[in-house]
Structure formats: C-alpha cells, structure tokens
Amino acid sequence: MVTNRFIVIRAVLLAWIIWPALAAQTPAPHKHTSPTATPTPTPSRAANLLLEAETLLQSRQFAPAEEKLKVAVTEDAKNPQAWFDLGFAQSHLDKLTDAAAAYKKAVDLSPKWFEASLNLGLVLARANDPASAVTILKHTVELIPSGSAANVSAAKGRAWLALAEATEAVNTDPQSAAAAYDKASELHAGGPELLAKAGLQLQKAGDLAGAEAHLQKSAEAGDSAGMAGLINLLAVQKRYADAEHWLQKYTAQNPQDANASVQYARLLASQGKTDAAITALQSVAPPVPPEIARELADLYISSKRYKEAEATLHPLVEKNPQDPQLRLSLGISLLYQHNYAAAETELIKALQLKSDIPDAYSYLADAAYENKHYELTIRVLEARTKFLPDTPRTFFLRATSYDNLRAYKPAAENYHRFLEVAGGKFPDQEFQARHRLKAIEPQ
C-alpha cells in the first residue's frame, strides 16, 4: 500500500517531466497525514535513506539520491515508494533501462498506482520502445490519479496524451492514436494543436472527412500546424481554391515562415505548375533550410532541370551522407546528364544504405549498362524483381547485357520474352532483338 508520502515526489514529477507547461499550475509540495494517524515509530535505516533521497531529489541532486535509493531498495525491496523514487532519479540521469526496471517494480508492488504506471510508460517511450509504452499506458488510463477533481482530470489528460504519442510512434494504428489525442484534448483542454495531431492521424487512417473536421477546427483557432495540415489535405483532394484560401491565411499569420513558401510550392506543383513552384521556393531568403532545398531539388528533377538539381543536392549529400533518398536523387540527376560513372556510384551508395528502394534498381541498371558493366546490370535487374515485375525495358537490358557477355542462351531467352511483351511499342528495339536472335540462335 502506497502512503500519502509519495505526493511530495509526485509534485516534483509534475513540475519536471510530465507536460512542463503545467508546472505553474502544480501545487507546492506538501505532506499529508491521516486524521487518525498513530505516533510515528522510530524510522528504519531504509526509511531514513528514503527521506534523505527525497530531499536530494527536490534539489535536483539525482546522482547522490540514486545511490541512497539503491541501498534503500536493497534493505526494503517491497517498498513501492523507494522503487518509484529510484526510477525517478535514474530517468533524470538518462539511465532509461534502469529507470524502467525500477518503475516496473513500483507498479508490480502497487498495481493501481497511477503515477508509477504513467512514468513507466513515459520512460519506455523515451527509451525508443513505444510498443511496450502503449501496453503500459493503456492500463494507466484506466487508473485513478490522486488529488482534487481538477488534478485528476489533468493527470488523466497527460496519460492519454502519452498514449497518443506512443501509439503514433508505433505507427500501426493511426485511428487509435487520433482517439487518444481527442481524449487528451477533452480531459485537459489541450488546445488546437491536439486537434491538429488527431486530424493528421485520421488522414493517415484514411478518414478524410474526420481529418478535415479536426484540422479545420484547429486552423480556425489559429494553429499553424492545423492550417498546414488542412492545406495539404485539401491539395491532395485537388480542392485548390479552398487550399489557397487557407494558404493566404497561413502566410498572413506567418510572414517570416519559410514553410509558407513550401506550402505554396506544393500547392502549385499539385496543379502541375512546376516552374511556378520552383520560383516560389527560389524566393526563400538564404540560408535556405535543408527541407526546402530537398523540395526544390525534387522539383528540378521533375522538370528535367538536372544540372540545377545536382547543384542543389551536392551540399545536402555532403551534410547528410547517410541519407539514401538524397543519394538516389543525386544519382538520378547525374544519370540524366550522362555522367554515368558518378551516377552509378551514388545509386550503389543509396542501395547500400537502404536496399528496398525499387526505383533505385531501375536507375542503377541503366547507369551500369551505359558504363558497360554488364554483369552488374544483370545482378541489379535480378535484385529489382524482388520488388517490381519485369518490363519490356528490363527484358531488353538483360538480353543485351547477356549478349555483350556472349552468354547467348540467356540472351536469346530474354530477347524472346521482350518480344512477347513489346507489342510493337518499341520498333527499333524489336528490330534489333529479331536481328540478334537470327545471329545467336542455332538455325
């Protein structure tokens, strides 16, 4: 049974790690005694250590508090307060695995203790284990916090918010994430930002009507994230006039925000106005944020302005050498400038960083073929079949690669397969295939 002593530490907890915006509303730490309290017996060594540790925690001396608490839980392993305090100290020392284990002990000893369960969920989320956090937090929201009715509502709101964020991080159930954000907003009046988050999750779940209702309510309350989300949602639905209406409001509210230019560029691009979209992004004052430079590079590639794409991508790749998408984009821009050797290098690096980018195999096969690396072309085309079906072009590339390697049997097989699917759409290649089949197949 947890006594009222833990209220002291819980007050500290509210001020330091759970929803910092609420710290100003947290009552000053105080201790409660029962109206029927009996005279306190002489404290044990473990109890003294616990009191000393709590004093240290309130003055943010986490390391010495941890040392005292380690001894306290050794001497009194069934005291959930001691385990809770230990988890609290360790979480502030970024010993997340240890903190989770300590909070788990507190929860096991006192299963209905809301604050211990909530902190366990939060620590698991911080430790990049959102799936385990979701399991704990689903139990937390069923528990009853201590304190006044207002405090109970606020604490439950924090728990629902933690559950929403963990569920979003797991990224498998956006509908539940949205519902949790809604519950957090209902209990804690979290503001339009929670409506926006719920709306984005509903969009991910395919509930476009629900997403629009949430995002519009958030946008009407003046939330920039809500406006941005609504603009994107409307553009996806090709409701360009509505999107532009909200974009004008967003720009007026955020005149210095480069994201306004991004939103406008995306809106233009979605209408096929690529050059106008490029102009919108080029107007962003330097230094250009990396995310805008990425958007600009993609627009350059889609409008076949490959030299400008390359110039934009090189500095991005230098700063983010482990980003496979940047490597892929740079490889594409080099490929279409006929710089096949450099393109091959970038595309190989992209696939080394992330092997499941289907389009990268297609581009790499083209680059390798132009470099007369026929064996590599064949290997890349085979790897591509794990993600995409063969096309007339891949059959032809494979056939001519085998042909150049004088592997005539597989070359003939692929020429035949090419002719079976070409359907007269590739007259020059079909003529070449028939000509080569006469030369390499036994008569």
Protein backbone atom coordinates (compact mmCIF):
# COMPACT_ATOMS: atom_id res chain seq x y z
CA MET A 1 0.00 0.00 0.00
CA VAL A 2 1.47 3.38 -1.01
CA THR A 3 1.15 6.06 1.64
CA ASN A 4 0.46 9.74 1.07
CA ARG A 5 4.21 10.43 1.35
CA PHE A 6 4.64 9.98 -2.38
CA ILE A 7 2.71 13.23 -3.01
CA VAL A 8 5.94 15.14 -2.35
CA ILE A 9 7.76 13.37 -5.16
CA ARG A 10 4.74 13.43 -7.43
CA ALA A 11 4.61 17.22 -7.16
CA VAL A 12 8.25 17.38 -8.21
CA LEU A 13 7.49 14.96 -11.04
CA LEU A 14 4.70 17.13 -12.40
CA ALA A 15 6.96 20.16 -12.44
CA TRP A 16 9.92 18.45 -14.10
CA ILE A 17 8.97 15.70 -16.53
CA ILE A 18 5.28 15.47 -17.28
CA TRP A 19 3.94 18.16 -19.54
CA PRO A 20 6.17 21.10 -18.45
CA ALA A 21 3.53 23.64 -19.45
CA LEU A 22 1.52 22.60 -16.42
CA ALA A 23 4.29 23.20 -13.92
CA ALA A 24 2.95 26.62 -12.97
CA GLN A 25 -0.35 25.01 -12.00
CA THR A 26 1.23 22.37 -9.78
CA PRO A 27 0.63 22.97 -6.07
CA ALA A 28 3.65 23.39 -3.84
CA PRO A 29 4.96 20.14 -2.37
CA HIS A 30 3.30 19.19 0.87
CA LYS A 31 2.84 16.14 3.05
CA HIS A 32 -0.43 14.67 4.21
CA THR A 33 -1.11 12.84 7.42
CA SER A 34 -4.16 10.79 8.15
CA PRO A 35 -6.65 12.26 10.68
CA THR A 36 -6.32 9.01 12.58
CA ALA A 37 -2.57 8.82 12.36
CA THR A 38 -0.82 6.99 15.16
CA PRO A 39 2.50 8.16 16.60
CA THR A 40 5.28 7.51 14.08
CA PRO A 41 7.65 4.74 15.18
CA THR A 42 11.42 5.23 15.03
CA PRO A 43 12.31 5.24 11.30
CA SER A 44 14.28 2.29 9.94
CA ARG A 45 17.57 2.80 8.09
CA ALA A 46 15.74 2.28 4.76
CA ALA A 47 13.12 4.87 5.72
CA ASN A 48 15.81 7.38 6.67
CA LEU A 49 17.60 6.80 3.37
CA LEU A 50 14.35 7.32 1.52
CA LEU A 51 13.67 10.64 3.28
CA GLU A 52 17.22 11.81 2.57
CA ALA A 53 16.90 10.79 -1.06
CA GLU A 54 13.62 12.66 -1.49
CA THR A 55 15.26 15.82 -0.14
CA LEU A 56 18.02 15.38 -2.70
CA LEU A 57 15.50 14.81 -5.50
CA GLN A 58 13.70 18.05 -4.70
CA SER A 59 17.03 19.90 -5.05
CA ARG A 60 17.72 18.01 -8.32
CA GLN A 61 20.70 16.10 -6.93
CA PHE A 62 19.87 12.93 -8.81
CA ALA A 63 23.17 11.03 -8.62
CA PRO A 64 23.54 11.07 -4.82
CA ALA A 65 19.81 10.38 -4.50
CA GLU A 66 20.22 7.32 -6.72
CA GLU A 67 23.00 5.94 -4.52
CA LYS A 68 20.89 6.25 -1.38
CA LEU A 69 17.86 4.71 -3.08
CA LYS A 70 19.84 1.73 -4.34
CA VAL A 71 20.63 0.92 -0.73
CA ALA A 72 17.05 1.64 0.37
CA VAL A 73 15.52 -0.84 -2.09
CA THR A 74 18.08 -3.45 -1.10
CA GLU A 75 17.06 -3.16 2.54
CA ASP A 76 13.33 -2.77 1.86
CA ALA A 77 12.60 -4.36 -1.50
CA LYS A 78 8.83 -4.28 -1.02
CA ASN A 79 8.53 -0.52 -0.68
CA PRO A 80 6.99 0.81 -3.93
CA GLN A 81 7.80 4.41 -2.99
CA ALA A 82 11.51 3.62 -2.86
CA TRP A 83 11.39 1.95 -6.29
CA PHE A 84 9.39 4.88 -7.68
CA ASP A 85 11.93 7.40 -6.39
CA LEU A 86 14.79 5.32 -7.79
CA GLY A 87 13.15 5.25 -11.21
CA PHE A 88 12.60 9.00 -10.99
CA ALA A 89 16.28 9.66 -10.20
CA GLN A 90 17.53 7.29 -12.90
CA SER A 91 15.26 8.76 -15.56
CA HIS A 92 16.84 12.16 -14.92
CA LEU A 93 20.28 10.59 -15.24
CA ASP A 94 19.21 9.13 -18.62
CA LYS A 95 19.58 5.59 -17.28
CA LEU A 96 16.38 4.67 -19.03
CA THR A 97 16.68 0.89 -18.86
CA ASP A 98 17.36 1.05 -15.14
CA ALA A 99 14.58 3.58 -14.63
CA ALA A 100 12.08 1.38 -16.45
CA ALA A 101 13.05 -1.60 -14.29
CA ALA A 102 12.63 0.47 -11.10
CA TYR A 103 9.24 1.84 -12.14
CA LYS A 104 8.19 -1.68 -13.12
CA LYS A 105 8.98 -2.81 -9.54
CA ALA A 106 6.85 0.03 -8.17
CA VAL A 107 3.98 -0.91 -10.50
CA ASP A 108 4.22 -4.60 -9.58
CA LEU A 109 4.11 -3.75 -5.88
CA SER A 110 1.29 -1.24 -6.28
CA PRO A 111 -0.65 -2.06 -9.49
CA LYS A 112 -3.22 0.72 -9.01
CA TRP A 113 -0.65 3.48 -8.56
CA PHE A 114 -1.40 5.85 -11.45
CA GLU A 115 1.76 7.94 -11.27
CA ALA A 116 4.10 4.93 -11.24
CA SER A 117 2.33 3.40 -14.22
CA LEU A 118 2.41 6.71 -16.13
CA ASN A 119 6.11 7.24 -15.50
CA LEU A 120 6.88 3.68 -16.59
CA GLY A 121 5.10 4.35 -19.88
CA LEU A 122 6.91 7.65 -20.38
CA VAL A 123 10.32 6.13 -19.73
CA LEU A 124 9.66 3.27 -22.14
CA ALA A 125 8.68 5.80 -24.81
CA ARG A 126 11.88 7.78 -24.17
CA ALA A 127 13.85 4.54 -24.47
CA ASN A 128 12.50 4.05 -28.02
CA ASP A 129 10.19 1.23 -27.03
CA PRO A 130 6.82 2.77 -27.91
CA ALA A 131 5.12 -0.63 -28.32
CA SER A 132 5.81 -1.52 -24.68
CA ALA A 133 4.85 2.02 -23.67
CA VAL A 134 1.47 1.61 -25.36
CA THR A 135 0.81 -1.61 -23.43
CA ILE A 136 1.54 0.11 -20.11
CA LEU A 137 -0.27 3.34 -20.90
CA LYS A 138 -3.45 1.53 -21.97
CA HIS A 139 -3.55 0.28 -18.38
CA THR A 140 -2.59 3.70 -16.97
CA VAL A 141 -5.58 5.49 -18.45
CA GLU A 142 -7.87 3.06 -16.61
CA LEU A 143 -6.38 4.01 -13.22
CA ILE A 144 -7.46 6.86 -10.95
CA PRO A 145 -4.93 9.58 -10.06
CA SER A 146 -4.89 11.02 -6.57
CA GLY A 147 -5.78 14.61 -5.78
CA SER A 148 -8.65 17.00 -6.44
CA ALA A 149 -11.12 16.54 -9.29
CA ALA A 150 -9.26 19.15 -11.37
CA ASN A 151 -5.93 17.42 -10.78
CA VAL A 152 -7.43 14.05 -11.62
CA SER A 153 -8.71 15.35 -14.95
CA ALA A 154 -5.38 16.99 -15.79
CA ALA A 155 -3.40 13.87 -14.86
CA LYS A 156 -5.67 11.64 -16.93
CA GLY A 157 -5.23 14.06 -19.82
CA ARG A 158 -1.46 13.69 -19.55
CA ALA A 159 -1.80 9.92 -19.61
CA TRP A 160 -3.98 9.98 -22.72
CA LEU A 161 -1.50 12.33 -24.41
CA ALA A 162 1.36 9.97 -23.62
CA LEU A 163 -0.67 7.07 -25.01
CA ALA A 164 -1.47 9.05 -28.17
CA GLU A 165 2.18 9.91 -28.79
CA ALA A 166 3.36 6.35 -28.17
CA THR A 167 0.65 4.94 -30.44
CA GLU A 168 1.63 7.41 -33.15
CA ALA A 169 5.28 6.36 -32.78
CA VAL A 170 4.37 2.68 -33.24
CA ASN A 171 2.72 3.80 -36.50
CA THR A 172 0.35 0.86 -36.94
CA ASP A 173 -2.96 2.19 -35.59
CA PRO A 174 -3.49 5.85 -36.51
CA GLN A 175 -7.20 5.62 -35.70
CA SER A 176 -6.42 4.76 -32.06
CA ALA A 177 -3.76 7.47 -31.92
CA ALA A 178 -6.34 10.02 -33.07
CA ALA A 179 -8.86 8.81 -30.49
CA ALA A 180 -6.24 9.14 -27.73
CA TYR A 181 -5.37 12.69 -28.84
CA ASP A 182 -9.09 13.53 -28.73
CA LYS A 183 -9.40 12.12 -25.21
CA ALA A 184 -6.35 14.09 -24.07
CA SER A 185 -7.84 17.26 -25.51
CA GLU A 186 -11.20 16.58 -23.86
CA LEU A 187 -9.68 15.99 -20.42
CA HIS A 188 -7.11 18.68 -20.44
CA ALA A 189 -8.31 21.29 -22.94
CA GLY A 190 -5.00 20.77 -24.74
CA GLY A 191 -5.81 23.33 -27.39
CA PRO A 192 -5.91 23.31 -31.18
CA GLU A 193 -2.52 21.62 -31.50
CA LEU A 194 -4.00 18.34 -30.27
CA LEU A 195 -6.85 18.68 -32.75
CA ALA A 196 -4.26 19.05 -35.49
CA LYS A 197 -2.38 15.95 -34.35
CA ALA A 198 -5.60 13.94 -34.23
CA GLY A 199 -6.51 15.21 -37.69
CA LEU A 200 -3.19 14.13 -39.18
CA GLN A 201 -3.63 10.66 -37.71
CA LEU A 202 -7.15 10.41 -39.11
CA GLN A 203 -5.81 11.36 -42.53
CA LYS A 204 -3.24 8.60 -42.25
CA ALA A 205 -6.06 6.19 -41.33
CA GLY A 206 -7.97 7.20 -44.46
CA ASP A 207 -10.75 9.09 -42.64
CA LEU A 208 -10.51 12.24 -44.76
CA ALA A 209 -13.80 13.70 -43.52
CA GLY A 210 -12.78 13.27 -39.89
CA ALA A 211 -9.32 14.63 -40.64
CA GLU A 212 -10.74 17.72 -42.33
CA ALA A 213 -13.14 18.42 -39.44
CA HIS A 214 -10.30 18.26 -36.91
CA LEU A 215 -7.81 20.24 -39.00
CA GLN A 216 -10.35 22.93 -39.87
CA LYS A 217 -11.30 23.41 -36.22
CA SER A 218 -7.62 23.67 -35.34
CA ALA A 219 -6.96 26.06 -38.22
CA GLU A 220 -9.92 28.25 -37.26
CA ALA A 221 -8.41 28.54 -33.78
CA GLY A 222 -5.26 29.94 -35.39
CA ASP A 223 -2.98 26.90 -35.05
CA SER A 224 -0.27 26.95 -37.74
CA ALA A 225 0.12 23.16 -37.75
CA GLY A 226 -3.62 22.82 -38.24
CA MET A 227 -3.54 25.24 -41.16
CA ALA A 228 -0.57 23.47 -42.79
CA GLY A 229 -2.23 20.09 -42.40
CA LEU A 230 -5.53 21.38 -43.80
CA ILE A 231 -3.79 22.93 -46.82
CA ASN A 232 -2.06 19.64 -47.62
CA LEU A 233 -5.27 17.65 -47.16
CA LEU A 234 -7.24 19.96 -49.45
CA ALA A 235 -4.49 19.90 -52.09
CA VAL A 236 -4.42 16.09 -52.04
CA GLN A 237 -8.16 16.19 -52.79
CA LYS A 238 -7.50 18.72 -55.59
CA ARG A 239 -9.62 21.32 -53.82
CA TYR A 240 -7.17 24.00 -54.84
CA ALA A 241 -9.37 27.06 -54.25
CA ASP A 242 -10.05 26.01 -50.65
CA ALA A 243 -6.37 25.21 -50.14
CA GLU A 244 -5.31 28.59 -51.48
CA HIS A 245 -7.79 30.34 -49.14
CA TRP A 246 -6.13 28.75 -46.12
CA LEU A 247 -2.66 29.28 -47.55
CA GLN A 248 -3.28 33.03 -47.72
CA LYS A 249 -4.34 32.97 -44.07
CA TYR A 250 -1.28 30.91 -43.14
CA THR A 251 1.06 33.31 -44.96
CA ALA A 252 -0.55 36.35 -43.34
CA GLN A 253 -0.16 34.78 -39.91
CA ASN A 254 3.41 33.55 -40.54
CA PRO A 255 5.03 36.12 -42.88
CA GLN A 256 8.58 35.09 -41.94
CA ASP A 257 7.91 31.37 -42.04
CA ALA A 258 9.68 29.68 -44.93
CA ASN A 259 7.17 26.85 -44.60
CA ALA A 260 4.60 29.16 -46.21
CA SER A 261 6.67 29.09 -49.39
CA VAL A 262 6.85 25.30 -49.16
CA GLN A 263 3.09 25.05 -48.77
CA TYR A 264 2.54 27.37 -51.73
CA ALA A 265 5.05 25.45 -53.86
CA ARG A 266 3.37 22.15 -53.06
CA LEU A 267 0.01 23.61 -53.98
CA LEU A 268 1.36 24.83 -57.32
CA ALA A 269 3.14 21.54 -58.02
CA SER A 270 -0.03 19.56 -57.28
CA GLN A 271 -1.69 21.58 -60.07
CA GLY A 272 1.14 20.78 -62.47
CA LYS A 273 2.63 24.29 -62.20
CA THR A 274 6.16 23.05 -61.56
CA ASP A 275 8.03 26.13 -62.81
CA ALA A 276 5.90 28.41 -60.65
CA ALA A 277 6.52 26.09 -57.69
CA ILE A 278 10.27 26.33 -58.29
CA THR A 279 10.06 30.12 -58.39
CA ALA A 280 8.19 30.11 -55.07
CA LEU A 281 10.94 28.10 -53.38
CA GLN A 282 13.74 30.10 -55.00
CA SER A 283 12.27 33.18 -53.32
CA VAL A 284 13.15 31.85 -49.84
CA ALA A 285 15.87 34.04 -48.38
CA PRO A 286 19.19 32.34 -47.60
CA PRO A 287 20.26 30.39 -45.71
CA VAL A 288 17.75 28.01 -47.27
CA PRO A 289 16.56 25.36 -44.79
CA PRO A 290 17.53 21.80 -45.84
CA GLU A 291 13.91 20.65 -46.14
CA ILE A 292 13.22 23.42 -48.66
CA ALA A 293 16.37 22.59 -50.62
CA ARG A 294 15.14 18.98 -50.81
CA GLU A 295 11.78 20.09 -52.16
CA LEU A 296 13.50 22.32 -54.69
CA ALA A 297 15.78 19.51 -55.87
CA ASP A 298 12.80 17.21 -56.38
CA LEU A 299 11.06 19.89 -58.43
CA TYR A 300 14.18 20.42 -60.53
CA ILE A 301 14.28 16.69 -61.32
CA SER A 302 10.57 16.51 -62.17
CA SER A 303 11.02 19.45 -64.57
CA LYS A 304 14.19 17.87 -66.06
CA ARG A 305 16.45 20.65 -64.80
CA TYR A 306 19.07 18.13 -63.80
CA LYS A 307 22.10 20.43 -63.60
CA GLU A 308 20.31 22.67 -61.10
CA ALA A 309 19.16 19.59 -59.19
CA GLU A 310 22.75 18.35 -58.94
CA ALA A 311 23.99 21.73 -57.69
CA THR A 312 21.28 21.75 -55.04
CA LEU A 313 21.85 18.15 -53.96
CA HIS A 314 25.64 18.10 -53.59
CA PRO A 315 25.75 20.23 -50.39
CA LEU A 316 22.82 18.29 -48.96
CA VAL A 317 24.60 14.98 -49.53
CA GLU A 318 27.80 16.33 -48.01
CA LYS A 319 25.92 17.22 -44.83
CA ASN A 320 23.78 14.05 -44.85
CA PRO A 321 25.96 11.30 -46.35
CA GLN A 322 23.83 8.53 -44.81
CA ASP A 323 20.57 9.70 -46.40
CA PRO A 324 19.63 7.18 -49.12
CA GLN A 325 16.94 9.36 -50.70
CA LEU A 326 19.38 12.21 -51.24
CA ARG A 327 21.87 9.76 -52.79
CA LEU A 328 19.13 8.46 -55.08
CA SER A 329 18.10 11.94 -56.19
CA LEU A 330 21.71 12.90 -56.88
CA GLY A 331 22.22 9.69 -58.82
CA ILE A 332 19.16 10.44 -60.98
CA SER A 333 20.33 13.99 -61.72
CA LEU A 334 23.76 12.68 -62.75
CA LEU A 335 22.30 9.86 -64.85
CA TYR A 336 20.25 12.22 -67.00
CA GLN A 337 23.30 14.42 -67.55
CA HIS A 338 25.04 11.30 -68.94
CA ASN A 339 27.54 11.27 -66.08
CA TYR A 340 27.06 7.52 -65.79
CA ALA A 341 30.11 6.70 -63.67
CA ALA A 342 29.19 9.20 -60.93
CA ALA A 343 25.54 8.21 -61.17
CA GLU A 344 26.41 4.54 -60.68
CA THR A 345 28.46 5.40 -57.57
CA GLU A 346 25.64 7.41 -55.97
CA LEU A 347 22.95 4.84 -56.78
CA ILE A 348 25.04 2.00 -55.33
CA LYS A 349 25.52 4.04 -52.14
CA ALA A 350 21.76 4.69 -51.96
CA LEU A 351 21.02 0.95 -52.11
CA GLN A 352 23.78 0.13 -49.64
CA LEU A 353 22.09 2.49 -47.19
CA LYS A 354 18.57 1.23 -47.94
CA SER A 355 18.10 -1.86 -50.05
CA ASP A 356 14.33 -1.61 -50.50
CA ILE A 357 14.10 1.38 -52.87
CA PRO A 358 12.64 -0.27 -56.00
CA ASP A 359 13.21 2.65 -58.38
CA ALA A 360 16.88 2.83 -57.44
CA TYR A 361 17.44 -0.58 -59.04
CA SER A 362 15.96 0.64 -62.33
CA TYR A 363 18.17 3.72 -62.42
CA LEU A 364 21.26 1.77 -61.37
CA ALA A 365 20.68 -0.82 -64.10
CA ASP A 366 20.60 1.98 -66.68
CA ALA A 367 23.78 3.56 -65.33
CA ALA A 368 25.64 0.25 -65.13
CA TYR A 369 24.60 -0.64 -68.69
CA GLU A 370 25.83 2.69 -70.04
CA ASN A 371 29.13 2.07 -68.23
CA LYS A 372 29.30 -1.33 -69.97
CA HIS A 373 29.20 -3.04 -66.58
CA TYR A 374 27.02 -5.80 -67.97
CA GLU A 375 27.44 -8.28 -65.13
CA LEU A 376 26.40 -5.59 -62.64
CA THR A 377 23.43 -4.71 -64.86
CA ILE A 378 22.22 -8.31 -64.74
CA ARG A 379 22.64 -8.57 -60.96
CA VAL A 380 20.78 -5.32 -60.41
CA LEU A 381 17.92 -6.37 -62.69
CA GLU A 382 17.58 -9.65 -60.81
CA ALA A 383 17.51 -7.80 -57.47
CA ARG A 384 14.85 -5.48 -58.88
CA THR A 385 12.49 -8.42 -59.49
CA LYS A 386 12.11 -8.79 -55.70
CA PHE A 387 10.19 -5.50 -55.71
CA LEU A 388 8.87 -4.91 -59.23
CA PRO A 389 7.80 -7.08 -62.17
CA ASP A 390 9.91 -7.13 -65.32
CA THR A 391 9.02 -4.71 -68.11
CA PRO A 392 9.87 -4.69 -71.82
CA ARG A 393 12.83 -2.44 -71.00
CA THR A 394 14.25 -4.72 -68.29
CA PHE A 395 13.95 -7.78 -70.55
CA PHE A 396 15.77 -5.89 -73.31
CA LEU A 397 18.51 -4.61 -70.96
CA ARG A 398 19.04 -8.09 -69.59
CA ALA A 399 19.11 -9.61 -73.08
CA THR A 400 21.63 -7.13 -74.48
CA SER A 401 23.79 -7.44 -71.36
CA TYR A 402 23.97 -11.21 -71.75
CA ASP A 403 24.57 -10.72 -75.47
CA ASN A 404 27.53 -8.42 -74.81
CA LEU A 405 28.92 -11.02 -72.40
CA ARG A 406 28.45 -13.64 -75.16
CA ALA A 407 26.10 -15.62 -72.95
CA TYR A 408 23.86 -16.35 -75.90
CA LYS A 409 21.37 -18.77 -74.38
CA PRO A 410 20.05 -16.42 -71.62
CA ALA A 411 20.35 -13.55 -74.10
CA ALA A 412 18.02 -15.36 -76.52
CA GLU A 413 15.60 -16.21 -73.71
CA ASN A 414 15.30 -12.56 -72.75
CA TYR A 415 15.04 -11.34 -76.34
CA HIS A 416 12.10 -13.70 -76.77
CA ARG A 417 10.46 -12.52 -73.56
CA PHE A 418 10.97 -8.92 -74.66
CA LEU A 419 9.27 -9.59 -77.99
CA GLU A 420 6.37 -11.31 -76.24
CA VAL A 421 5.51 -8.17 -74.24
CA ALA A 422 6.74 -5.36 -76.52
CA GLY A 423 3.57 -5.32 -78.63
CA GLY A 424 5.01 -3.12 -81.36
CA LYS A 425 5.62 -0.21 -78.96
CA PHE A 426 9.41 -0.37 -79.30
CA PRO A 427 10.04 -0.78 -83.03
CA ASP A 428 13.79 -0.10 -83.01
CA GLN A 429 14.48 -2.49 -80.12
CA GLU A 430 12.15 -5.13 -81.60
CA PHE A 431 14.04 -4.97 -84.89
CA GLN A 432 17.35 -5.34 -83.00
CA ALA A 433 16.02 -8.27 -80.97
CA ARG A 434 14.89 -10.18 -84.06
CA HIS A 435 18.18 -9.42 -85.81
CA ARG A 436 20.25 -10.66 -82.87
CA LEU A 437 18.11 -13.80 -82.47
CA LYS A 438 18.94 -14.74 -86.07
CA ALA A 439 22.61 -14.32 -85.27
CA ILE A 440 22.82 -16.16 -81.93
CA GLU A 441 20.23 -18.93 -82.14
CA PRO A 442 21.06 -22.16 -83.88
CA GLN A 443 19.37 -22.38 -87.30
